Amino acid sequence: MPGLPPVNEKLDLALGLSLQSADDDVVVMRLDPGEIGIVGEGDEAYLHGGALASCIDSAAWYAAEGAAPSEPSEGRGDWLVTTLSFEGLRLARPEPHTVTARCVRAGRTRAVADVEIAPEADPDRLVTIGRVSLARAPSPPRA
């Protein structure tokens, strides 16, 4: 995964999110749910919507960064999420999930990514979809 940093944000790590692969504008992450993102117990347990939304946020950032990397020396700062839409299609059980993000557009200042979350054991059974708009933060002035 050339050029992309490993997942090291405290929230992503607590949720159990890890980067699996990145190919230009498509990123695949794995969610191995941590206790912090699980609601309920036993057969009634499910993943909290906020945990899934955080996965959408992180995966979209990786997709945008893979498609149009930050380059402060060239005036291209980091990507910031400006809009995130979340559609919960069904309850997500506390089991490993695949989070796939595709960068639909990545320009100089804006990017849009679509994200899908599905159980690893049943990849055709989407539990959540999202669309994220990102804006390029200004780079610090050059000295």
Protein backbone atom coordinates (compact mmCIF):
# COMPACT_ATOMS: atom_id res chain seq x y z
CA MET A 1 0.00 0.00 0.00
CA PRO A 2 2.47 2.55 -1.18
CA GLY A 3 2.12 6.04 0.16
CA LEU A 4 -0.79 5.50 2.53
CA PRO A 5 -0.12 5.58 6.26
CA PRO A 6 -1.27 2.69 8.45
CA VAL A 7 -4.39 3.12 10.54
CA ASN A 8 -3.23 4.61 13.82
CA GLU A 9 -6.05 6.84 14.97
CA LYS A 10 -7.14 5.88 18.50
CA LEU A 11 -10.80 5.66 17.53
CA ASP A 12 -10.16 3.45 14.47
CA LEU A 13 -7.97 1.14 16.53
CA ALA A 14 -10.56 0.94 19.33
CA LEU A 15 -13.27 0.13 16.78
CA GLY A 16 -11.08 -2.61 15.27
CA LEU A 17 -10.60 -0.96 11.85
CA SER A 18 -7.52 -1.84 9.78
CA LEU A 19 -6.34 -1.11 6.24
CA GLN A 20 -6.23 -4.26 4.09
CA SER A 21 -5.50 -2.97 0.59
CA ALA A 22 -5.37 0.19 -1.48
CA ASP A 23 -5.30 0.40 -5.25
CA ASP A 24 -5.40 3.98 -6.55
CA ASP A 25 -8.97 5.06 -5.79
CA VAL A 26 -10.30 1.84 -4.15
CA VAL A 27 -9.58 1.00 -0.53
CA VAL A 28 -10.52 -2.12 1.41
CA MET A 29 -10.54 -2.05 5.20
CA ARG A 30 -11.47 -4.68 7.76
CA LEU A 31 -13.65 -4.01 10.76
CA ASP A 32 -13.09 -6.57 13.50
CA PRO A 33 -15.48 -4.96 15.99
CA GLY A 34 -14.05 -3.88 19.31
CA GLU A 35 -16.14 -3.75 22.45
CA ILE A 36 -16.56 0.02 22.15
CA GLY A 37 -18.73 -0.29 19.01
CA ILE A 38 -21.05 -3.08 20.16
CA VAL A 39 -24.52 -2.45 21.59
CA GLY A 40 -26.32 -5.15 23.58
CA GLU A 41 -25.25 -8.69 24.33
CA GLY A 42 -25.65 -12.19 22.95
CA ASP A 43 -28.05 -12.75 20.06
CA GLU A 44 -29.39 -9.21 20.39
CA ALA A 45 -26.00 -7.50 19.95
CA TYR A 46 -25.38 -5.20 16.98
CA LEU A 47 -22.88 -2.57 15.87
CA HIS A 48 -23.55 1.02 16.87
CA GLY A 49 -24.36 3.34 13.95
CA GLY A 50 -21.68 5.77 15.11
CA ALA A 51 -19.06 3.03 14.82
CA LEU A 52 -20.18 2.32 11.25
CA ALA A 53 -20.20 6.04 10.41
CA SER A 54 -16.63 6.34 11.72
CA CYS A 55 -15.62 3.48 9.42
CA ILE A 56 -17.22 5.29 6.48
CA ASP A 57 -15.34 8.49 7.40
CA SER A 58 -11.95 6.76 7.64
CA ALA A 59 -12.38 4.63 4.51
CA ALA A 60 -13.42 7.67 2.46
CA TRP A 61 -10.33 9.56 3.63
CA TYR A 62 -8.09 6.67 2.54
CA ALA A 63 -9.83 6.49 -0.86
CA ALA A 64 -9.42 10.24 -1.46
CA GLU A 65 -5.81 10.21 -0.26
CA GLY A 66 -5.05 7.24 -2.52
CA ALA A 67 -6.58 8.98 -5.55
CA ALA A 68 -5.08 12.44 -4.91
CA PRO A 69 -2.40 12.39 -2.19
CA SER A 70 -1.70 15.33 0.09
CA GLU A 71 1.47 17.16 -0.85
CA PRO A 72 2.13 20.15 1.41
CA SER A 73 5.20 21.17 -0.60
CA GLU A 74 2.92 21.61 -3.63
CA GLY A 75 0.15 23.39 -1.71
CA ARG A 76 -2.08 20.31 -1.34
CA GLY A 77 -3.03 19.84 2.31
CA ASP A 78 -4.86 17.01 4.05
CA TRP A 79 -8.42 15.91 3.19
CA LEU A 80 -11.20 16.93 5.61
CA VAL A 81 -14.68 15.42 5.62
CA THR A 82 -17.32 18.08 4.90
CA THR A 83 -20.42 15.91 4.37
CA LEU A 84 -21.17 12.31 5.31
CA SER A 85 -24.40 10.52 4.46
CA PHE A 86 -25.15 7.19 6.07
CA GLU A 87 -27.79 4.68 5.06
CA GLY A 88 -28.28 1.79 7.45
CA LEU A 89 -29.80 -1.00 5.39
CA ARG A 90 -30.00 -3.60 8.17
CA LEU A 91 -28.50 -4.23 11.60
CA ALA A 92 -24.81 -5.07 11.51
CA ARG A 93 -23.97 -7.97 13.77
CA PRO A 94 -20.77 -7.90 15.87
CA GLU A 95 -18.69 -9.93 13.41
CA PRO A 96 -15.89 -9.01 10.99
CA HIS A 97 -16.97 -6.72 8.16
CA THR A 98 -15.36 -5.50 4.96
CA VAL A 99 -15.41 -1.75 4.37
CA THR A 100 -14.86 -0.83 0.71
CA ALA A 101 -14.43 2.77 -0.42
CA ARG A 102 -14.25 4.01 -4.00
CA CYS A 103 -13.20 7.55 -4.81
CA VAL A 104 -15.75 8.74 -7.37
CA ARG A 105 -14.03 12.07 -7.93
CA ALA A 106 -10.78 13.54 -6.69
CA GLY A 107 -9.81 16.98 -7.86
CA ARG A 108 -7.45 19.64 -6.64
CA THR A 109 -9.74 20.81 -3.83
CA ARG A 110 -12.69 18.38 -3.58
CA ALA A 111 -13.26 14.63 -3.50
CA VAL A 112 -16.27 12.33 -3.26
CA ALA A 113 -16.17 8.71 -2.12
CA ASP A 114 -18.79 5.97 -1.92
CA VAL A 115 -18.44 3.40 0.87
CA GLU A 116 -20.04 -0.01 1.39
CA ILE A 117 -19.95 -2.16 4.52
CA ALA A 118 -20.78 -5.88 4.41
CA PRO A 119 -20.09 -8.90 6.61
CA GLU A 120 -16.96 -10.79 5.58
CA ALA A 121 -18.96 -14.02 5.66
CA ASP A 122 -21.63 -12.64 3.27
CA PRO A 123 -20.10 -9.88 1.10
CA ASP A 124 -23.26 -9.47 -1.02
CA ARG A 125 -25.35 -8.58 2.04
CA LEU A 126 -24.67 -4.87 2.49
CA VAL A 127 -25.47 -3.53 5.94
CA THR A 128 -24.52 0.11 5.39
CA ILE A 129 -23.72 2.44 2.50
CA GLY A 130 -22.38 5.96 2.65
CA ARG A 131 -21.27 8.87 0.52
CA VAL A 132 -18.65 11.30 1.73
CA SER A 133 -17.59 14.69 0.40
CA LEU A 134 -14.12 15.88 1.33
CA ALA A 135 -12.36 19.22 0.94
CA ARG A 136 -8.65 19.88 0.80
CA ALA A 137 -7.37 21.76 3.84
CA PRO A 138 -5.05 24.62 3.05
CA SER A 139 -1.38 23.81 3.34
CA PRO A 140 0.71 25.78 5.80
CA PRO A 141 2.51 28.67 4.12
CA ARG A 142 5.97 27.90 2.83
CA ALA A 143 8.88 29.50 4.62
